[in-house]
Amino acid sequence: MTPQGLGELEQLVLLAVLRLGDTAYAVSVREEIERRAQRAISRGAVYVTLDRMERKGYLRSRRGPPTAARGGKAKRLFSVAAPGLKALRAALDGTQAMLDGLPPDLAWSPRR
């Protein structure tokens, strides 16, 4: 991973936040990754990654409204910032470049 590059979990977190839109918070991000990528990820890993990506400027967070179901606590909602989208595009372009030109018996498409 280059200093500007994204790790696999960072890519998955950004993709999950994009998919979830306005409802992205730590628990929903974790559930989205587990459901779609079929990867078990600890709560701690998700929280640490969200915090790190916010410090890098890849994510923004805001407090949602407090809810009775959460004992009056508010969820911390996330959205992808422009630098995060740029970094994700670069990472996905790099992955696609590695996939392009594989022999037919090894060919794989992320769009399957």
N, C-alpha and C. Protein backbone atom coordinates (compact mmCIF):
# COMPACT_ATOMS: atom_id res chain seq x y z
N MET A 1 0.84 -1.18 0.00
CA MET A 1 0.00 0.00 0.00
C MET A 1 0.89 1.24 0.00
N THR A 2 0.65 2.14 -0.93
CA THR A 2 1.39 3.39 -0.97
C THR A 2 0.83 4.34 0.07
N PRO A 3 1.58 5.39 0.43
CA PRO A 3 1.05 6.32 1.43
C PRO A 3 -0.31 6.89 1.05
N GLN A 4 -0.58 7.08 -0.25
CA GLN A 4 -1.86 7.61 -0.68
C GLN A 4 -2.87 6.50 -0.95
N GLY A 5 -2.42 5.26 -0.97
CA GLY A 5 -3.29 4.14 -1.33
C GLY A 5 -4.25 3.77 -0.22
N LEU A 6 -5.22 2.98 -0.60
CA LEU A 6 -6.21 2.48 0.35
C LEU A 6 -5.99 1.00 0.59
N GLY A 7 -6.13 0.59 1.83
CA GLY A 7 -6.13 -0.83 2.15
C GLY A 7 -7.47 -1.44 1.79
N GLU A 8 -7.54 -2.75 1.82
CA GLU A 8 -8.77 -3.45 1.44
C GLU A 8 -9.94 -3.06 2.33
N LEU A 9 -9.72 -3.01 3.65
CA LEU A 9 -10.82 -2.65 4.55
C LEU A 9 -11.27 -1.21 4.30
N GLU A 10 -10.33 -0.32 4.03
CA GLU A 10 -10.70 1.06 3.73
C GLU A 10 -11.56 1.13 2.47
N GLN A 11 -11.22 0.35 1.47
CA GLN A 11 -12.03 0.32 0.25
C GLN A 11 -13.43 -0.19 0.56
N LEU A 12 -13.52 -1.26 1.33
CA LEU A 12 -14.82 -1.82 1.68
C LEU A 12 -15.65 -0.83 2.49
N VAL A 13 -15.02 -0.12 3.41
CA VAL A 13 -15.74 0.87 4.22
C VAL A 13 -16.28 1.99 3.33
N LEU A 14 -15.45 2.51 2.43
CA LEU A 14 -15.91 3.57 1.54
C LEU A 14 -17.07 3.09 0.66
N LEU A 15 -16.95 1.89 0.13
CA LEU A 15 -18.03 1.35 -0.69
C LEU A 15 -19.31 1.17 0.11
N ALA A 16 -19.20 0.69 1.34
CA ALA A 16 -20.38 0.51 2.18
C ALA A 16 -21.03 1.85 2.49
N VAL A 17 -20.23 2.86 2.83
CA VAL A 17 -20.79 4.18 3.13
C VAL A 17 -21.49 4.74 1.89
N LEU A 18 -20.90 4.57 0.72
CA LEU A 18 -21.56 5.04 -0.51
C LEU A 18 -22.89 4.32 -0.73
N ARG A 19 -22.91 3.02 -0.51
CA ARG A 19 -24.14 2.24 -0.71
C ARG A 19 -25.23 2.64 0.27
N LEU A 20 -24.84 2.90 1.51
CA LEU A 20 -25.82 3.19 2.56
C LEU A 20 -26.34 4.62 2.51
N GLY A 21 -25.57 5.51 1.91
CA GLY A 21 -26.02 6.90 1.81
C GLY A 21 -26.18 7.56 3.17
N ASP A 22 -27.31 8.24 3.36
CA ASP A 22 -27.56 9.01 4.59
C ASP A 22 -27.69 8.17 5.85
N THR A 23 -27.81 6.85 5.71
CA THR A 23 -28.01 5.99 6.87
C THR A 23 -26.74 5.29 7.33
N ALA A 24 -25.58 5.69 6.81
CA ALA A 24 -24.33 5.00 7.13
C ALA A 24 -23.83 5.36 8.52
N TYR A 25 -23.82 4.39 9.41
CA TYR A 25 -23.19 4.53 10.72
C TYR A 25 -22.44 3.23 10.98
N ALA A 26 -21.64 3.19 12.02
CA ALA A 26 -20.69 2.09 12.21
C ALA A 26 -21.34 0.71 12.10
N VAL A 27 -22.45 0.50 12.78
CA VAL A 27 -23.08 -0.82 12.77
C VAL A 27 -23.58 -1.17 11.38
N SER A 28 -24.21 -0.21 10.70
CA SER A 28 -24.73 -0.51 9.36
C SER A 28 -23.60 -0.73 8.36
N VAL A 29 -22.49 -0.03 8.52
CA VAL A 29 -21.32 -0.24 7.66
C VAL A 29 -20.80 -1.66 7.83
N ARG A 30 -20.67 -2.07 9.07
CA ARG A 30 -20.19 -3.44 9.35
C ARG A 30 -21.14 -4.48 8.76
N GLU A 31 -22.43 -4.29 8.96
CA GLU A 31 -23.41 -5.24 8.43
C GLU A 31 -23.39 -5.29 6.91
N GLU A 32 -23.24 -4.13 6.27
CA GLU A 32 -23.19 -4.07 4.81
C GLU A 32 -21.97 -4.82 4.27
N ILE A 33 -20.83 -4.64 4.91
CA ILE A 33 -19.62 -5.35 4.48
C ILE A 33 -19.78 -6.85 4.69
N GLU A 34 -20.30 -7.23 5.84
CA GLU A 34 -20.47 -8.67 6.12
C GLU A 34 -21.45 -9.30 5.14
N ARG A 35 -22.52 -8.60 4.82
CA ARG A 35 -23.55 -9.15 3.94
C ARG A 35 -23.07 -9.21 2.49
N ARG A 36 -22.49 -8.13 2.00
CA ARG A 36 -22.14 -8.07 0.58
C ARG A 36 -20.78 -8.70 0.27
N ALA A 37 -19.79 -8.45 1.11
CA ALA A 37 -18.44 -8.99 0.86
C ALA A 37 -18.24 -10.34 1.54
N GLN A 38 -19.19 -10.72 2.38
CA GLN A 38 -19.12 -11.97 3.13
C GLN A 38 -17.81 -12.07 3.90
N ARG A 39 -17.51 -10.97 4.60
CA ARG A 39 -16.30 -10.87 5.42
C ARG A 39 -16.72 -10.57 6.84
N ALA A 40 -16.23 -11.34 7.79
CA ALA A 40 -16.47 -11.05 9.21
C ALA A 40 -15.47 -9.99 9.66
N ILE A 41 -15.99 -8.90 10.19
CA ILE A 41 -15.14 -7.79 10.63
C ILE A 41 -15.57 -7.40 12.03
N SER A 42 -14.60 -7.21 12.90
CA SER A 42 -14.92 -6.84 14.28
C SER A 42 -15.44 -5.42 14.35
N ARG A 43 -16.24 -5.15 15.37
CA ARG A 43 -16.74 -3.78 15.58
C ARG A 43 -15.58 -2.82 15.73
N GLY A 44 -14.58 -3.24 16.49
CA GLY A 44 -13.42 -2.37 16.73
C GLY A 44 -12.71 -1.99 15.45
N ALA A 45 -12.56 -2.95 14.54
CA ALA A 45 -11.89 -2.66 13.26
C ALA A 45 -12.67 -1.63 12.46
N VAL A 46 -14.00 -1.72 12.50
CA VAL A 46 -14.82 -0.75 11.77
C VAL A 46 -14.68 0.63 12.39
N TYR A 47 -14.79 0.73 13.72
CA TYR A 47 -14.67 2.03 14.38
C TYR A 47 -13.30 2.67 14.13
N VAL A 48 -12.25 1.89 14.26
CA VAL A 48 -10.89 2.41 14.05
C VAL A 48 -10.74 2.89 12.60
N THR A 49 -11.25 2.11 11.66
CA THR A 49 -11.13 2.48 10.25
C THR A 49 -11.93 3.74 9.94
N LEU A 50 -13.15 3.83 10.45
CA LEU A 50 -13.95 5.04 10.24
C LEU A 50 -13.25 6.27 10.80
N ASP A 51 -12.72 6.16 12.02
CA ASP A 51 -12.01 7.30 12.63
C ASP A 51 -10.78 7.69 11.82
N ARG A 52 -10.00 6.70 11.40
CA ARG A 52 -8.78 6.98 10.63
C ARG A 52 -9.13 7.65 9.30
N MET A 53 -10.16 7.17 8.65
CA MET A 53 -10.52 7.72 7.36
C MET A 53 -11.10 9.13 7.49
N GLU A 54 -11.73 9.40 8.61
CA GLU A 54 -12.20 10.77 8.84
C GLU A 54 -11.01 11.71 9.07
N ARG A 55 -10.02 11.24 9.83
CA ARG A 55 -8.82 12.06 10.05
C ARG A 55 -8.09 12.33 8.74
N LYS A 56 -8.08 11.37 7.83
CA LYS A 56 -7.43 11.54 6.52
C LYS A 56 -8.23 12.46 5.60
N GLY A 57 -9.47 12.76 5.97
CA GLY A 57 -10.31 13.60 5.13
C GLY A 57 -11.11 12.84 4.10
N TYR A 58 -11.13 11.50 4.20
CA TYR A 58 -11.86 10.67 3.24
C TYR A 58 -13.34 10.56 3.59
N LEU A 59 -13.66 10.70 4.86
CA LEU A 59 -15.04 10.64 5.34
C LEU A 59 -15.35 11.89 6.16
N ARG A 60 -16.63 12.21 6.23
CA ARG A 60 -17.14 13.25 7.13
C ARG A 60 -18.16 12.57 8.03
N SER A 61 -18.31 13.08 9.24
CA SER A 61 -19.35 12.54 10.11
C SER A 61 -20.17 13.67 10.71
N ARG A 62 -21.39 13.30 11.08
CA ARG A 62 -22.28 14.23 11.77
C ARG A 62 -23.14 13.42 12.73
N ARG A 63 -23.71 14.08 13.69
CA ARG A 63 -24.59 13.40 14.64
C ARG A 63 -26.01 13.39 14.09
N GLY A 64 -26.61 12.21 14.12
CA GLY A 64 -28.02 12.10 13.74
C GLY A 64 -28.88 12.48 14.94
N PRO A 65 -30.18 12.44 14.79
CA PRO A 65 -31.05 12.78 15.91
C PRO A 65 -31.01 11.68 16.98
N PRO A 66 -31.15 12.06 18.24
CA PRO A 66 -31.22 11.05 19.31
C PRO A 66 -32.49 10.20 19.14
N THR A 67 -32.39 8.94 19.49
CA THR A 67 -33.56 8.06 19.37
C THR A 67 -33.81 7.36 20.70
N ALA A 68 -35.08 7.09 20.96
CA ALA A 68 -35.46 6.38 22.18
C ALA A 68 -34.88 4.97 22.18
N ALA A 69 -34.84 4.34 21.00
CA ALA A 69 -34.31 2.98 20.89
C ALA A 69 -32.85 2.89 21.31
N ARG A 70 -32.14 4.02 21.23
CA ARG A 70 -30.73 4.06 21.61
C ARG A 70 -30.55 4.74 22.96
N GLY A 71 -31.61 4.80 23.74
CA GLY A 71 -31.52 5.43 25.06
C GLY A 71 -31.26 6.93 24.97
N GLY A 72 -31.76 7.56 23.93
CA GLY A 72 -31.57 9.00 23.76
C GLY A 72 -30.25 9.38 23.12
N LYS A 73 -29.47 8.39 22.72
CA LYS A 73 -28.18 8.67 22.09
C LYS A 73 -28.35 8.85 20.58
N ALA A 74 -27.48 9.66 20.00
CA ALA A 74 -27.50 9.90 18.56
C ALA A 74 -26.50 8.98 17.86
N LYS A 75 -26.84 8.60 16.64
CA LYS A 75 -25.90 7.84 15.81
C LYS A 75 -24.92 8.82 15.17
N ARG A 76 -23.70 8.36 14.95
CA ARG A 76 -22.71 9.13 14.20
C ARG A 76 -22.80 8.66 12.75
N LEU A 77 -23.30 9.52 11.90
CA LEU A 77 -23.55 9.19 10.50
C LEU A 77 -22.38 9.64 9.64
N PHE A 78 -22.04 8.84 8.66
CA PHE A 78 -20.87 9.10 7.81
C PHE A 78 -21.27 9.34 6.37
N SER A 79 -20.45 10.15 5.68
CA SER A 79 -20.58 10.34 4.24
C SER A 79 -19.17 10.41 3.65
N VAL A 80 -19.07 10.08 2.38
CA VAL A 80 -17.77 10.08 1.70
C VAL A 80 -17.47 11.50 1.22
N ALA A 81 -16.29 11.99 1.57
CA ALA A 81 -15.82 13.31 1.13
C ALA A 81 -15.15 13.16 -0.24
N ALA A 82 -14.98 14.27 -0.94
CA ALA A 82 -14.37 14.25 -2.28
C ALA A 82 -13.01 13.54 -2.31
N PRO A 83 -12.10 13.78 -1.34
CA PRO A 83 -10.82 13.06 -1.37
C PRO A 83 -11.00 11.54 -1.21
N GLY A 84 -12.01 11.12 -0.47
CA GLY A 84 -12.28 9.70 -0.32
C GLY A 84 -12.75 9.07 -1.61
N LEU A 85 -13.60 9.79 -2.32
CA LEU A 85 -14.08 9.30 -3.61
C LEU A 85 -12.94 9.21 -4.61
N LYS A 86 -12.07 10.20 -4.60
CA LYS A 86 -10.91 10.20 -5.50
C LYS A 86 -9.98 9.03 -5.19
N ALA A 87 -9.72 8.79 -3.90
CA ALA A 87 -8.84 7.68 -3.50
C ALA A 87 -9.47 6.34 -3.86
N LEU A 88 -10.78 6.22 -3.68
CA LEU A 88 -11.46 4.97 -4.02
C LEU A 88 -11.40 4.71 -5.52
N ARG A 89 -11.64 5.74 -6.31
CA ARG A 89 -11.56 5.57 -7.77
C ARG A 89 -10.16 5.12 -8.19
N ALA A 90 -9.14 5.73 -7.60
CA ALA A 90 -7.76 5.35 -7.93
C ALA A 90 -7.49 3.90 -7.55
N ALA A 91 -7.97 3.48 -6.38
CA ALA A 91 -7.76 2.10 -5.94
C ALA A 91 -8.47 1.12 -6.86
N LEU A 92 -9.71 1.42 -7.21
CA LEU A 92 -10.47 0.53 -8.08
C LEU A 92 -9.89 0.50 -9.50
N ASP A 93 -9.40 1.65 -9.98
CA ASP A 93 -8.73 1.68 -11.29
C ASP A 93 -7.48 0.80 -11.28
N GLY A 94 -6.73 0.85 -10.19
CA GLY A 94 -5.54 0.01 -10.06
C GLY A 94 -5.88 -1.46 -10.06
N THR A 95 -6.93 -1.82 -9.35
CA THR A 95 -7.38 -3.21 -9.33
C THR A 95 -7.81 -3.64 -10.72
N GLN A 96 -8.58 -2.78 -11.39
CA GLN A 96 -9.04 -3.13 -12.74
C GLN A 96 -7.87 -3.29 -13.70
N ALA A 97 -6.85 -2.44 -13.57
CA ALA A 97 -5.67 -2.55 -14.43
C ALA A 97 -4.96 -3.89 -14.23
N MET A 98 -4.96 -4.37 -13.00
CA MET A 98 -4.34 -5.67 -12.73
C MET A 98 -5.17 -6.81 -13.32
N LEU A 99 -6.48 -6.64 -13.36
CA LEU A 99 -7.37 -7.68 -13.89
C LEU A 99 -7.35 -7.72 -15.42
N ASP A 100 -7.20 -6.55 -16.04
CA ASP A 100 -7.21 -6.47 -17.50
C ASP A 100 -6.08 -7.31 -18.08
N GLY A 101 -6.41 -8.08 -19.09
CA GLY A 101 -5.40 -8.84 -19.81
C GLY A 101 -5.05 -10.18 -19.19
N LEU A 102 -5.77 -10.59 -18.14
CA LEU A 102 -5.52 -11.93 -17.60
C LEU A 102 -5.89 -12.96 -18.66
N PRO A 103 -5.20 -14.10 -18.67
CA PRO A 103 -5.57 -15.15 -19.61
C PRO A 103 -7.03 -15.55 -19.39
N PRO A 104 -7.69 -16.01 -20.45
CA PRO A 104 -9.12 -16.34 -20.35
C PRO A 104 -9.45 -17.31 -19.21
N ASP A 105 -8.57 -18.27 -18.95
CA ASP A 105 -8.87 -19.23 -17.88
C ASP A 105 -8.74 -18.61 -16.50
N LEU A 106 -8.12 -17.46 -16.39
CA LEU A 106 -8.00 -16.75 -15.11
C LEU A 106 -8.85 -15.49 -15.07
N ALA A 107 -9.51 -15.18 -16.17
CA ALA A 107 -10.27 -13.93 -16.25
C ALA A 107 -11.35 -13.90 -15.18
N TRP A 108 -11.49 -12.73 -14.64
CA TRP A 108 -12.48 -12.50 -13.59
C TRP A 108 -13.00 -11.10 -13.78
N SER A 109 -14.27 -10.93 -13.61
CA SER A 109 -14.84 -9.60 -13.74
C SER A 109 -15.53 -9.24 -12.44
N PRO A 110 -15.24 -8.06 -11.88
CA PRO A 110 -15.91 -7.66 -10.64
C PRO A 110 -17.38 -7.38 -10.88
N ARG A 111 -17.81 -7.33 -12.10
CA ARG A 111 -19.21 -7.01 -12.41
C ARG A 111 -20.09 -8.25 -12.50
N ARG A 112 -19.55 -9.43 -12.26
CA ARG A 112 -20.35 -10.66 -12.34
C ARG A 112 -21.41 -10.69 -11.30
